[in-house]
N, C-alpha and C. Protein backbone atom coordinates (compact mmCIF):
# COMPACT_ATOMS: atom_id res chain seq x y z
N MET A 1 111.96 45.70 -239.82
CA MET A 1 111.50 44.87 -238.36
C MET A 1 112.95 44.31 -237.63
N ASP A 2 113.00 44.06 -236.48
CA ASP A 2 113.91 42.51 -235.84
C ASP A 2 113.66 41.17 -236.31
N SER A 3 113.94 40.15 -235.28
CA SER A 3 113.47 38.89 -235.97
C SER A 3 112.36 38.49 -235.56
N PHE A 4 111.23 39.23 -235.40
CA PHE A 4 109.81 38.82 -235.61
C PHE A 4 109.49 38.32 -237.06
N LYS A 5 109.07 36.94 -237.71
CA LYS A 5 108.53 36.87 -238.21
C LYS A 5 107.16 36.21 -238.02
N ILE A 6 106.35 35.66 -239.09
CA ILE A 6 105.03 34.74 -239.15
C ILE A 6 105.20 33.64 -240.04
N ASP A 7 104.37 32.93 -239.63
CA ASP A 7 104.23 31.51 -240.50
C ASP A 7 103.12 31.96 -240.73
N SER A 8 102.82 32.10 -242.28
CA SER A 8 101.55 32.25 -243.01
C SER A 8 100.60 31.05 -242.84
N ARG A 9 101.17 30.00 -242.39
CA ARG A 9 100.82 28.57 -242.81
C ARG A 9 99.67 27.94 -241.50
N ARG A 10 100.44 28.95 -240.30
CA ARG A 10 99.46 28.70 -238.94
C ARG A 10 99.38 30.22 -238.89
N THR A 11 99.00 30.87 -239.23
CA THR A 11 98.49 32.29 -238.80
C THR A 11 97.00 32.44 -239.21
N ALA A 12 96.47 33.19 -237.96
CA ALA A 12 94.97 33.51 -238.65
C ALA A 12 95.09 34.94 -238.07
N HIS A 13 93.99 35.96 -239.02
CA HIS A 13 93.70 36.80 -238.07
C HIS A 13 92.12 36.91 -237.78
N LEU A 14 92.35 37.41 -236.31
CA LEU A 14 91.12 37.82 -235.46
C LEU A 14 90.57 39.31 -235.51
N CYS A 15 89.52 39.24 -236.05
CA CYS A 15 88.70 40.86 -236.09
C CYS A 15 87.86 40.60 -235.05
N LEU A 16 87.97 41.33 -234.07
CA LEU A 16 86.42 41.66 -232.98
C LEU A 16 85.55 42.72 -233.66
N ASP A 17 84.05 42.22 -233.46
CA ASP A 17 83.07 42.79 -233.43
C ASP A 17 83.28 44.44 -233.90
N MET A 18 83.79 44.51 -235.06
CA MET A 18 83.19 45.60 -236.61
C MET A 18 81.94 45.35 -236.73
N GLN A 19 80.84 45.56 -236.24
CA GLN A 19 79.32 45.97 -236.36
C GLN A 19 78.70 47.11 -236.26
N LYS A 20 77.99 47.20 -236.81
CA LYS A 20 76.98 48.67 -236.92
C LYS A 20 76.27 48.99 -235.67
N MET A 21 76.48 48.17 -234.85
CA MET A 21 76.03 48.73 -233.66
C MET A 21 77.35 49.75 -232.93
N PHE A 22 78.53 49.43 -233.08
CA PHE A 22 79.44 50.31 -232.31
C PHE A 22 80.01 51.68 -233.48
N ALA A 23 79.61 50.94 -235.18
CA ALA A 23 80.05 52.38 -236.03
C ALA A 23 78.71 53.52 -235.92
N GLU A 24 77.87 52.90 -235.84
CA GLU A 24 76.52 53.67 -235.93
C GLU A 24 76.27 54.82 -234.55
N ASP A 25 75.00 55.72 -234.59
CA ASP A 25 75.19 56.67 -233.69
C ASP A 25 74.07 55.63 -232.93
N THR A 26 74.39 55.07 -232.05
CA THR A 26 73.68 54.34 -230.82
C THR A 26 74.29 54.72 -229.58
N GLU A 27 73.90 54.39 -228.21
CA GLU A 27 74.29 54.32 -227.85
C GLU A 27 75.74 53.64 -227.19
N TRP A 28 76.04 52.56 -227.90
CA TRP A 28 77.47 51.80 -227.55
C TRP A 28 78.12 52.27 -229.20
N ARG A 29 78.26 53.71 -229.59
CA ARG A 29 79.01 54.21 -230.64
C ARG A 29 80.30 53.96 -230.12
N THR A 30 81.52 53.64 -230.78
CA THR A 30 82.80 53.64 -230.59
C THR A 30 83.16 54.38 -231.78
N PRO A 31 83.49 56.06 -231.56
CA PRO A 31 84.12 56.82 -232.55
C PRO A 31 85.32 56.38 -233.37
N TRP A 32 86.25 55.74 -232.79
CA TRP A 32 87.19 55.32 -233.75
C TRP A 32 87.11 54.60 -234.45
N MET A 33 85.85 53.53 -234.67
CA MET A 33 85.84 52.63 -235.23
C MET A 33 86.03 53.17 -236.59
N ASP A 34 85.87 54.19 -237.02
CA ASP A 34 85.71 54.76 -238.49
C ASP A 34 87.14 54.95 -238.64
N ARG A 35 87.99 55.58 -237.95
CA ARG A 35 89.46 55.31 -238.14
C ARG A 35 90.07 53.89 -238.18
N VAL A 36 89.90 53.29 -237.64
CA VAL A 36 90.70 51.75 -237.71
C VAL A 36 90.50 51.44 -238.70
N LEU A 37 88.91 51.31 -239.39
CA LEU A 37 88.23 50.13 -240.04
C LEU A 37 89.41 50.36 -241.65
N PRO A 38 89.66 50.99 -242.33
CA PRO A 38 90.99 51.22 -243.37
C PRO A 38 92.01 50.64 -243.11
N VAL A 39 92.30 50.23 -241.55
CA VAL A 39 93.66 49.51 -241.63
C VAL A 39 93.35 47.93 -241.70
N VAL A 40 91.91 47.70 -240.63
CA VAL A 40 91.43 46.34 -240.26
C VAL A 40 90.66 45.82 -242.48
N ALA A 41 90.18 46.79 -242.46
CA ALA A 41 89.78 46.29 -244.36
C ALA A 41 90.94 45.66 -244.82
N GLU A 42 92.04 46.29 -245.12
CA GLU A 42 93.36 46.13 -245.63
C GLU A 42 94.01 45.06 -245.63
N ILE A 43 93.76 44.53 -244.07
CA ILE A 43 94.46 42.95 -243.16
C ILE A 43 93.37 41.88 -243.55
N ALA A 44 92.11 42.34 -243.65
CA ALA A 44 91.03 41.19 -243.83
C ALA A 44 90.97 41.10 -245.52
N ALA A 45 91.55 41.86 -246.37
CA ALA A 45 91.43 41.68 -247.66
C ALA A 45 92.12 41.05 -248.19
N ARG A 46 93.13 41.47 -247.60
CA ARG A 46 94.96 40.79 -248.00
C ARG A 46 95.06 39.23 -247.86
N HIS A 47 94.05 38.59 -246.28
CA HIS A 47 94.30 37.49 -245.93
C HIS A 47 92.73 37.26 -245.66
N LYS A 48 91.78 37.12 -246.25
CA LYS A 48 90.46 36.95 -246.22
C LYS A 48 90.59 35.18 -245.59
N ARG A 49 90.67 34.39 -246.24
CA ARG A 49 90.83 32.65 -245.98
C ARG A 49 91.19 32.57 -244.94
N GLN A 50 92.09 33.47 -244.36
CA GLN A 50 92.62 33.00 -242.64
C GLN A 50 92.00 33.93 -241.67
N THR A 51 90.98 34.83 -242.05
CA THR A 51 90.53 36.05 -241.26
C THR A 51 88.80 35.35 -240.57
N PHE A 52 88.88 35.44 -239.35
CA PHE A 52 87.82 35.36 -238.93
C PHE A 52 87.37 36.71 -238.22
N PHE A 53 85.99 36.79 -238.48
CA PHE A 53 85.19 38.00 -237.66
C PHE A 53 84.35 37.89 -236.64
N THR A 54 84.09 38.69 -235.50
CA THR A 54 83.17 37.81 -234.57
C THR A 54 82.21 38.73 -234.18
N ARG A 55 81.22 38.58 -234.50
CA ARG A 55 79.76 39.72 -233.78
C ARG A 55 79.47 39.32 -232.66
N PHE A 56 79.49 40.37 -231.57
CA PHE A 56 78.59 40.08 -230.69
C PHE A 56 77.12 39.95 -230.81
N VAL A 57 76.62 39.25 -229.93
CA VAL A 57 75.12 39.10 -230.50
C VAL A 57 74.10 38.98 -228.97
N PRO A 58 73.49 39.48 -229.25
CA PRO A 58 72.94 39.85 -227.98
C PRO A 58 71.61 38.67 -227.57
N PRO A 59 71.21 38.54 -226.36
CA PRO A 59 70.33 37.58 -226.38
C PRO A 59 69.15 38.18 -226.67
N ALA A 60 68.08 37.47 -227.29
CA ALA A 60 66.80 37.59 -227.74
C ALA A 60 65.76 38.83 -226.75
N ARG A 61 66.05 38.32 -225.26
CA ARG A 61 65.34 38.90 -224.38
C ARG A 61 66.29 39.13 -222.91
N ALA A 62 66.18 39.92 -222.11
CA ALA A 62 67.05 40.78 -220.93
C ALA A 62 67.25 38.92 -220.11
N GLU A 63 66.01 38.69 -220.28
CA GLU A 63 65.34 37.44 -219.27
C GLU A 63 66.05 36.40 -219.42
N ASP A 64 66.49 36.40 -220.74
CA ASP A 64 67.07 34.96 -221.16
C ASP A 64 68.72 34.42 -221.07
N ALA A 65 69.50 36.30 -220.52
CA ALA A 65 70.67 36.32 -220.34
C ALA A 65 70.92 35.15 -219.09
N LYS A 66 72.10 34.93 -218.42
CA LYS A 66 72.50 34.42 -217.19
C LYS A 66 73.09 34.92 -216.48
N GLY A 67 72.78 34.98 -215.22
CA GLY A 67 73.65 35.63 -214.35
C GLY A 67 73.67 36.91 -213.86
N CYS A 68 74.85 37.53 -213.97
CA CYS A 68 74.90 39.19 -214.29
C CYS A 68 74.75 39.75 -215.63
N TRP A 69 74.54 39.15 -216.45
CA TRP A 69 74.01 39.60 -217.85
C TRP A 69 72.76 39.68 -217.91
N ARG A 70 71.85 39.21 -217.24
CA ARG A 70 70.55 39.70 -216.87
C ARG A 70 70.62 41.26 -216.73
N ASN A 71 71.41 41.73 -215.63
CA ASN A 71 70.88 42.70 -214.75
C ASN A 71 71.35 43.83 -216.10
N TYR A 72 72.86 43.38 -216.97
CA TYR A 72 73.04 43.95 -217.85
C TYR A 72 72.45 44.90 -219.01
N PHE A 73 72.04 43.60 -219.66
CA PHE A 73 70.70 43.46 -220.61
C PHE A 73 69.09 44.02 -220.42
N SER A 74 69.31 44.06 -218.80
CA SER A 74 67.94 44.91 -218.41
C SER A 74 68.61 45.92 -218.49
N ARG A 75 69.63 46.63 -218.34
CA ARG A 75 70.08 48.03 -218.39
C ARG A 75 69.92 48.32 -220.10
N TRP A 76 70.55 47.35 -220.96
CA TRP A 76 70.81 47.75 -221.98
C TRP A 76 69.30 47.22 -223.05
N ARG A 77 68.48 47.08 -222.70
CA ARG A 77 67.23 45.94 -222.81
C ARG A 77 67.46 46.90 -224.49
N SER A 78 67.42 47.90 -225.43
CA SER A 78 67.55 48.03 -226.82
C SER A 78 68.27 47.85 -226.82
N PHE A 79 69.29 46.59 -226.97
CA PHE A 79 70.19 45.93 -227.66
C PHE A 79 70.15 45.01 -227.85
N THR A 80 68.54 44.31 -227.00
CA THR A 80 68.44 43.02 -226.97
C THR A 80 67.85 42.48 -228.48
N ARG A 81 67.85 41.56 -229.09
CA ARG A 81 67.22 40.97 -230.30
C ARG A 81 65.60 41.42 -230.17
N GLU A 82 65.05 41.49 -229.37
CA GLU A 82 63.46 41.60 -229.58
C GLU A 82 63.36 43.23 -230.03
N GLU A 83 64.49 43.90 -229.36
CA GLU A 83 64.42 45.67 -230.03
C GLU A 83 65.09 45.98 -230.60
N ILE A 84 66.80 45.32 -230.56
CA ILE A 84 67.63 45.93 -231.74
C ILE A 84 67.13 46.14 -233.51
N ASN A 85 67.66 46.49 -233.94
CA ASN A 85 66.95 46.92 -235.77
C ASN A 85 68.17 45.52 -235.90
N PRO A 86 68.02 44.55 -236.60
CA PRO A 86 68.77 43.51 -236.57
C PRO A 86 70.22 43.85 -237.49
N GLU A 87 69.83 44.91 -238.48
CA GLU A 87 70.82 45.08 -239.10
C GLU A 87 71.84 45.25 -238.63
N LEU A 88 71.99 45.79 -237.27
CA LEU A 88 72.58 46.59 -236.30
C LEU A 88 74.03 45.63 -236.06
N ILE A 89 73.53 44.44 -236.24
CA ILE A 89 74.48 43.66 -235.41
C ILE A 89 75.32 43.12 -236.72
N GLU A 90 74.66 43.45 -237.30
CA GLU A 90 75.74 43.25 -238.82
C GLU A 90 76.87 43.74 -238.91
N LEU A 91 77.91 43.11 -239.19
CA LEU A 91 79.43 43.43 -239.92
C LEU A 91 78.97 45.07 -240.34
N VAL A 92 79.99 45.54 -240.68
CA VAL A 92 80.20 46.94 -240.68
C VAL A 92 80.51 46.77 -242.69
N GLU A 93 80.28 47.27 -243.88
CA GLU A 93 81.22 47.54 -244.84
C GLU A 93 82.40 48.40 -244.52
N PRO A 94 83.38 47.40 -245.69
CA PRO A 94 83.54 46.50 -246.85
C PRO A 94 84.01 45.18 -245.76
N LEU A 95 83.89 45.23 -244.78
CA LEU A 95 84.46 43.70 -244.10
C LEU A 95 82.63 42.91 -244.46
N LYS A 96 81.54 43.23 -244.43
CA LYS A 96 80.44 42.03 -244.61
C LYS A 96 80.98 41.20 -246.15
N ARG A 97 81.36 42.03 -246.68
CA ARG A 97 81.18 41.38 -247.76
C ARG A 97 82.25 40.64 -248.01
N LEU A 98 83.29 40.56 -247.05
CA LEU A 98 84.21 39.61 -247.01
C LEU A 98 84.40 38.22 -246.71
N VAL A 99 82.66 37.89 -246.25
CA VAL A 99 82.54 36.61 -245.60
C VAL A 99 81.32 36.19 -246.85
N PRO A 100 81.44 34.90 -247.30
CA PRO A 100 82.92 34.08 -247.29
C PRO A 100 83.75 34.40 -248.47
N PRO A 101 84.99 34.26 -248.44
CA PRO A 101 85.77 33.01 -247.26
C PRO A 101 86.27 33.30 -246.42
N ALA A 102 86.14 34.63 -245.84
CA ALA A 102 86.14 34.68 -244.10
C ALA A 102 85.15 34.52 -243.69
N ARG A 103 85.55 33.90 -242.35
CA ARG A 103 84.29 33.09 -241.49
C ARG A 103 83.97 33.92 -240.62
N LEU A 104 82.65 33.73 -240.21
CA LEU A 104 81.83 34.65 -239.20
C LEU A 104 81.43 33.67 -238.10
N ILE A 105 82.26 34.30 -236.95
CA ILE A 105 81.96 33.39 -235.39
C ILE A 105 81.14 34.61 -234.63
N ASP A 106 79.44 34.09 -234.16
CA ASP A 106 79.03 35.09 -233.04
C ASP A 106 79.29 34.33 -232.05
N LYS A 107 79.03 35.29 -230.69
CA LYS A 107 79.34 35.41 -229.90
C LYS A 107 78.57 35.71 -228.87
N PRO A 108 78.55 35.32 -227.44
CA PRO A 108 77.26 35.60 -226.58
C PRO A 108 78.04 36.48 -225.38
N GLY A 109 79.19 36.77 -225.23
CA GLY A 109 80.21 37.18 -224.50
C GLY A 109 80.70 38.04 -225.00
N PHE A 110 81.84 38.41 -224.43
CA PHE A 110 83.44 39.29 -224.55
C PHE A 110 83.96 38.52 -224.88
N SER A 111 84.41 37.19 -224.72
CA SER A 111 85.59 36.16 -225.68
C SER A 111 84.78 35.79 -226.85
N PRO A 112 85.35 35.21 -227.67
CA PRO A 112 84.95 34.75 -228.62
C PRO A 112 85.14 33.34 -228.64
N PHE A 113 86.15 32.76 -227.44
CA PHE A 113 86.49 31.32 -227.40
C PHE A 113 85.33 30.88 -226.96
N PHE A 114 84.21 31.67 -225.66
CA PHE A 114 83.20 30.55 -225.26
C PHE A 114 82.04 30.91 -225.64
N GLY A 115 81.68 29.29 -225.87
CA GLY A 115 80.44 29.54 -226.26
C GLY A 115 80.18 29.43 -228.21
N THR A 116 81.44 29.08 -228.13
CA THR A 116 81.66 29.47 -230.22
C THR A 116 81.97 27.92 -230.79
N PRO A 117 82.32 28.31 -231.53
CA PRO A 117 83.16 27.26 -232.50
C PRO A 117 84.63 27.35 -232.49
N LEU A 118 85.28 28.89 -232.21
CA LEU A 118 86.12 29.63 -232.94
C LEU A 118 87.65 28.05 -232.20
N TYR A 119 87.61 28.34 -231.30
CA TYR A 119 88.59 27.50 -231.09
C TYR A 119 89.14 25.95 -231.93
N ALA A 120 88.20 25.47 -231.87
CA ALA A 120 88.12 23.93 -232.54
C ALA A 120 88.17 24.51 -234.07
N GLU A 121 87.91 25.32 -234.65
CA GLU A 121 87.94 26.15 -235.94
C GLU A 121 89.64 26.19 -236.46
N LEU A 122 90.07 26.93 -235.17
CA LEU A 122 91.38 26.62 -235.41
C LEU A 122 92.19 25.99 -235.36
N ARG A 123 91.81 25.16 -234.45
CA ARG A 123 93.00 23.57 -234.14
C ARG A 123 92.88 22.81 -235.34
N SER A 124 91.82 23.13 -236.08
CA SER A 124 91.20 22.20 -237.09
C SER A 124 92.37 22.36 -238.19
N LEU A 125 92.36 23.66 -238.19
CA LEU A 125 93.74 24.51 -239.50
C LEU A 125 95.01 24.78 -238.73
N ASP A 126 95.41 23.60 -237.58
CA ASP A 126 96.49 24.13 -236.89
C ASP A 126 97.32 25.45 -236.74
N ILE A 127 95.97 26.12 -236.52
CA ILE A 127 96.85 27.83 -236.15
C ILE A 127 97.42 27.81 -235.12
N ASP A 128 98.32 28.72 -234.86
CA ASP A 128 99.16 28.84 -233.80
C ASP A 128 99.34 30.59 -233.28
N THR A 129 99.04 31.26 -233.79
CA THR A 129 99.60 32.76 -234.24
C THR A 129 98.46 33.36 -234.39
N LEU A 130 97.96 34.40 -233.84
CA LEU A 130 96.78 35.06 -234.03
C LEU A 130 96.79 36.76 -234.36
N VAL A 131 96.58 37.15 -235.66
CA VAL A 131 96.32 38.24 -235.78
C VAL A 131 95.13 39.20 -235.48
N VAL A 132 95.19 40.40 -234.51
CA VAL A 132 94.01 40.70 -233.23
C VAL A 132 93.84 41.79 -234.02
N THR A 133 92.64 42.47 -234.61
CA THR A 133 92.03 43.65 -234.73
C THR A 133 90.85 43.83 -234.11
N GLY A 134 90.23 44.79 -233.96
CA GLY A 134 88.67 45.17 -234.07
C GLY A 134 88.48 46.01 -232.35
N ALA A 135 87.26 45.77 -231.87
CA ALA A 135 86.79 46.76 -230.88
C ALA A 135 86.31 45.78 -229.94
N GLU A 136 86.33 46.41 -228.32
CA GLU A 136 86.94 47.59 -227.97
C GLU A 136 88.18 46.96 -227.49
N THR A 137 89.38 47.39 -227.31
CA THR A 137 90.75 47.36 -226.86
C THR A 137 90.60 47.28 -225.32
N ASP A 138 90.06 47.41 -224.83
CA ASP A 138 89.71 47.09 -223.26
C ASP A 138 88.59 46.28 -222.60
N VAL A 139 87.75 45.73 -223.89
CA VAL A 139 86.98 44.82 -223.41
C VAL A 139 86.96 43.55 -224.04
N CYS A 140 86.11 43.56 -225.36
CA CYS A 140 86.14 42.43 -226.14
C CYS A 140 87.75 41.90 -226.65
N VAL A 141 88.72 42.99 -226.79
CA VAL A 141 89.73 42.45 -227.21
C VAL A 141 90.56 41.85 -225.88
N LEU A 142 90.48 42.54 -224.86
CA LEU A 142 91.02 42.03 -223.76
C LEU A 142 90.46 40.42 -223.64
N ALA A 143 89.14 40.46 -223.71
CA ALA A 143 88.76 38.84 -223.19
C ALA A 143 89.34 37.93 -224.41
N ALA A 144 89.58 38.24 -225.77
CA ALA A 144 90.00 37.52 -226.74
C ALA A 144 91.69 37.23 -226.30
N VAL A 145 91.89 38.23 -225.86
CA VAL A 145 94.03 37.97 -225.96
C VAL A 145 93.89 37.37 -224.91
N LEU A 146 93.08 37.47 -223.54
CA LEU A 146 93.59 36.72 -222.20
C LEU A 146 93.28 35.26 -223.04
N SER A 147 91.94 34.72 -223.37
CA SER A 147 91.49 33.59 -223.89
C SER A 147 92.38 32.96 -224.99
N ALA A 148 93.17 33.43 -225.46
CA ALA A 148 94.28 33.11 -226.78
C ALA A 148 95.30 32.94 -225.99
N ILE A 149 96.07 33.75 -225.20
CA ILE A 149 97.23 33.09 -224.39
C ILE A 149 97.10 32.00 -223.71
N ASP A 150 95.87 31.93 -222.69
CA ASP A 150 95.53 30.87 -221.98
C ASP A 150 95.67 29.69 -222.36
N LEU A 151 95.00 29.20 -223.96
CA LEU A 151 94.65 28.51 -224.94
C LEU A 151 95.78 28.24 -225.85
N GLY A 152 97.30 29.04 -225.32
CA GLY A 152 98.63 28.46 -226.20
C GLY A 152 98.51 29.53 -227.27
N PHE A 153 98.18 30.53 -227.82
CA PHE A 153 98.39 30.84 -228.89
C PHE A 153 98.84 32.08 -228.42
N PHE A 154 100.10 32.53 -229.97
CA PHE A 154 100.62 33.51 -229.95
C PHE A 154 99.99 34.35 -230.22
N VAL A 155 99.81 35.85 -229.57
CA VAL A 155 99.13 37.05 -230.01
C VAL A 155 99.89 38.40 -230.76
N VAL A 156 99.47 38.92 -231.78
CA VAL A 156 100.33 40.12 -232.71
C VAL A 156 99.00 40.86 -232.65
N LEU A 157 99.16 41.38 -231.84
CA LEU A 157 97.97 42.83 -231.56
C LEU A 157 98.88 43.80 -232.28
N VAL A 158 97.92 44.39 -233.44
CA VAL A 158 97.96 45.49 -234.37
C VAL A 158 97.16 46.82 -233.94
N LYS A 159 98.30 47.33 -233.27
CA LYS A 159 97.57 48.63 -232.04
C LYS A 159 96.83 49.70 -232.80
N ASP A 160 97.55 50.24 -234.57
CA ASP A 160 96.56 51.12 -235.40
C ASP A 160 94.65 49.96 -236.28
N GLY A 161 94.84 48.87 -235.68
CA GLY A 161 93.96 48.52 -236.31
C GLY A 161 92.67 48.30 -234.77
N LEU A 162 93.19 48.49 -233.71
CA LEU A 162 92.38 48.81 -232.41
C LEU A 162 91.27 49.79 -232.55
N CYS A 163 90.27 49.61 -231.84
CA CYS A 163 89.80 51.11 -231.37
C CYS A 163 88.91 51.14 -229.88
N SER A 164 88.39 51.83 -229.31
CA SER A 164 88.06 51.95 -228.00
C SER A 164 86.82 53.37 -227.65
N SER A 165 86.00 53.09 -226.70
CA SER A 165 85.52 54.70 -226.97
C SER A 165 85.68 55.30 -225.74
N SER A 166 87.12 54.74 -225.13
CA SER A 166 87.75 55.38 -223.99
C SER A 166 88.98 55.26 -224.16
N ASP A 167 89.63 56.67 -224.38
CA ASP A 167 91.44 56.78 -224.58
C ASP A 167 92.23 56.68 -223.42
N GLU A 168 91.33 56.75 -222.52
CA GLU A 168 92.17 56.50 -221.36
C GLU A 168 92.57 55.11 -221.17
N THR A 169 91.44 54.08 -221.20
CA THR A 169 91.26 52.68 -221.04
C THR A 169 92.21 52.21 -222.24
N HIS A 170 92.03 52.52 -223.25
CA HIS A 170 92.89 52.32 -224.47
C HIS A 170 94.56 51.84 -224.13
N ASP A 171 94.66 53.35 -223.92
CA ASP A 171 96.22 53.85 -223.59
C ASP A 171 96.36 52.98 -222.41
N ALA A 172 95.82 52.72 -221.71
CA ALA A 172 96.23 51.66 -220.28
C ALA A 172 96.15 50.18 -220.57
N MET A 173 95.35 49.91 -221.56
CA MET A 173 95.69 48.33 -221.98
C MET A 173 96.81 48.07 -222.88
N LEU A 174 97.31 49.16 -223.73
CA LEU A 174 98.41 49.27 -224.83
C LEU A 174 99.41 49.05 -223.54
N THR A 175 99.68 49.67 -222.59
CA THR A 175 100.62 49.49 -221.78
C THR A 175 100.41 48.11 -221.39
N LEU A 176 99.26 48.03 -220.39
CA LEU A 176 99.82 46.57 -220.21
C LEU A 176 100.11 45.29 -220.93
N TYR A 177 99.21 45.29 -222.52
CA TYR A 177 99.93 43.94 -222.94
C TYR A 177 101.44 44.26 -223.63
N GLY A 178 101.90 45.41 -223.33
CA GLY A 178 103.12 45.44 -224.12
C GLY A 178 104.24 45.26 -222.60
N ASN A 179 103.79 45.31 -221.37
CA ASN A 179 104.82 45.03 -220.32
C ASN A 179 104.28 44.06 -220.03
N ARG A 180 102.99 43.02 -219.84
CA ARG A 180 103.17 42.23 -219.07
C ARG A 180 102.81 40.83 -219.52
N PHE A 181 103.11 40.83 -220.93
CA PHE A 181 102.74 39.65 -221.80
C PHE A 181 104.06 39.50 -222.99
N SER A 182 105.12 39.79 -222.79
CA SER A 182 105.82 40.07 -223.73
C SER A 182 106.64 38.18 -224.03
N GLN A 183 106.08 37.80 -223.70
CA GLN A 183 106.44 36.07 -224.10
C GLN A 183 105.63 35.62 -224.88
N GLN A 184 104.28 36.17 -225.19
CA GLN A 184 103.36 35.81 -226.01
C GLN A 184 102.33 36.83 -226.38
N LEU A 185 103.10 38.00 -226.22
CA LEU A 185 101.86 38.56 -227.55
C LEU A 185 103.56 39.78 -227.99
N ARG A 186 103.38 40.22 -229.39
CA ARG A 186 103.71 41.20 -229.91
C ARG A 186 102.70 42.14 -230.63
N MET A 187 103.03 43.40 -230.13
CA MET A 187 102.45 44.77 -230.63
C MET A 187 103.11 45.02 -231.87
N VAL A 188 102.63 45.32 -232.87
CA VAL A 188 103.00 45.98 -234.19
C VAL A 188 102.16 47.23 -234.70
N ASP A 189 102.81 48.11 -235.61
CA ASP A 189 101.94 48.61 -236.79
C ASP A 189 100.84 48.11 -237.91
N ALA A 190 100.14 48.57 -238.38
CA ALA A 190 99.92 47.46 -239.33
C ALA A 190 101.08 47.38 -240.49
N ALA A 191 101.62 48.80 -241.07
CA ALA A 191 102.55 48.68 -241.79
C ALA A 191 103.93 47.65 -241.45
N ASP A 192 103.79 47.51 -240.72
CA ASP A 192 105.18 46.23 -240.19
C ASP A 192 104.54 45.41 -240.15
N LEU A 193 103.22 44.85 -240.06
CA LEU A 193 102.61 43.28 -240.26
C LEU A 193 102.51 42.94 -241.72
N ILE A 194 102.26 43.85 -241.99
CA ILE A 194 102.44 43.84 -243.88
C ILE A 194 103.59 43.36 -244.38
N GLU A 195 104.61 44.06 -243.48
CA GLU A 195 106.03 43.41 -244.40
C GLU A 195 106.95 42.22 -243.80
N VAL A 196 105.73 41.28 -242.73
CA VAL A 196 106.42 40.32 -242.53
C VAL A 196 105.09 39.18 -242.81
N TRP A 197 104.06 39.26 -243.46
CA TRP A 197 103.01 38.80 -243.49
C TRP A 197 102.43 38.72 -244.73
N PRO A 198 103.19 38.57 -245.98
CA PRO A 198 102.80 38.55 -247.21
C PRO A 198 101.56 38.14 -247.56
N GLU A 199 100.94 38.72 -248.37
CA GLU A 199 99.17 38.49 -249.04
C GLU A 199 99.25 37.12 -249.18
N SER A 200 98.01 37.00 -248.78
CA SER A 200 97.81 35.31 -249.31
C SER A 200 97.48 34.86 -250.55
N ALA A 201 97.39 33.79 -250.88
CA ALA A 201 97.02 33.48 -252.12
C ALA A 201 95.87 33.34 -252.47
């Protein structure tokens, strides 16, 4: 690769929403998840102590949600916690077995930085670079990337470690990331990432 380097002491892996509700046969299934899982699992296994997994955790009831989320979960009431099989909220294997030492962050919305302790935990570790993987490229990954950039993190986006239920918007987002955020974001393939980010002790 060119001059791209990673300071392992100040880098964390943020893996978004690799959950059974998106991997299994539900209305929210993301078909690509099976394809990117080996890539995500390898990165997480190489850097267990530097990995933060997020889970999207719906409200108990649609009526408990705020603002437009109430209408959203009225439409998707079967995914509220009073109706969904709790097992579907869990991470997929083999990611689940990496916690601990990997950390788990539950989030109520798209961004992992809103209503969670993630930012405080990253600050306490002096992290300034986030390697981002997970689901979906055009929804929660988008929210995470924009939030991270606003908070001053440099983002390394692993192209073959991202998945979406929409090919069209996945491709559009990769174009957006690459064209509009070149000073704050770097897109890489997992093989190139492994070259510059040695396995953690």
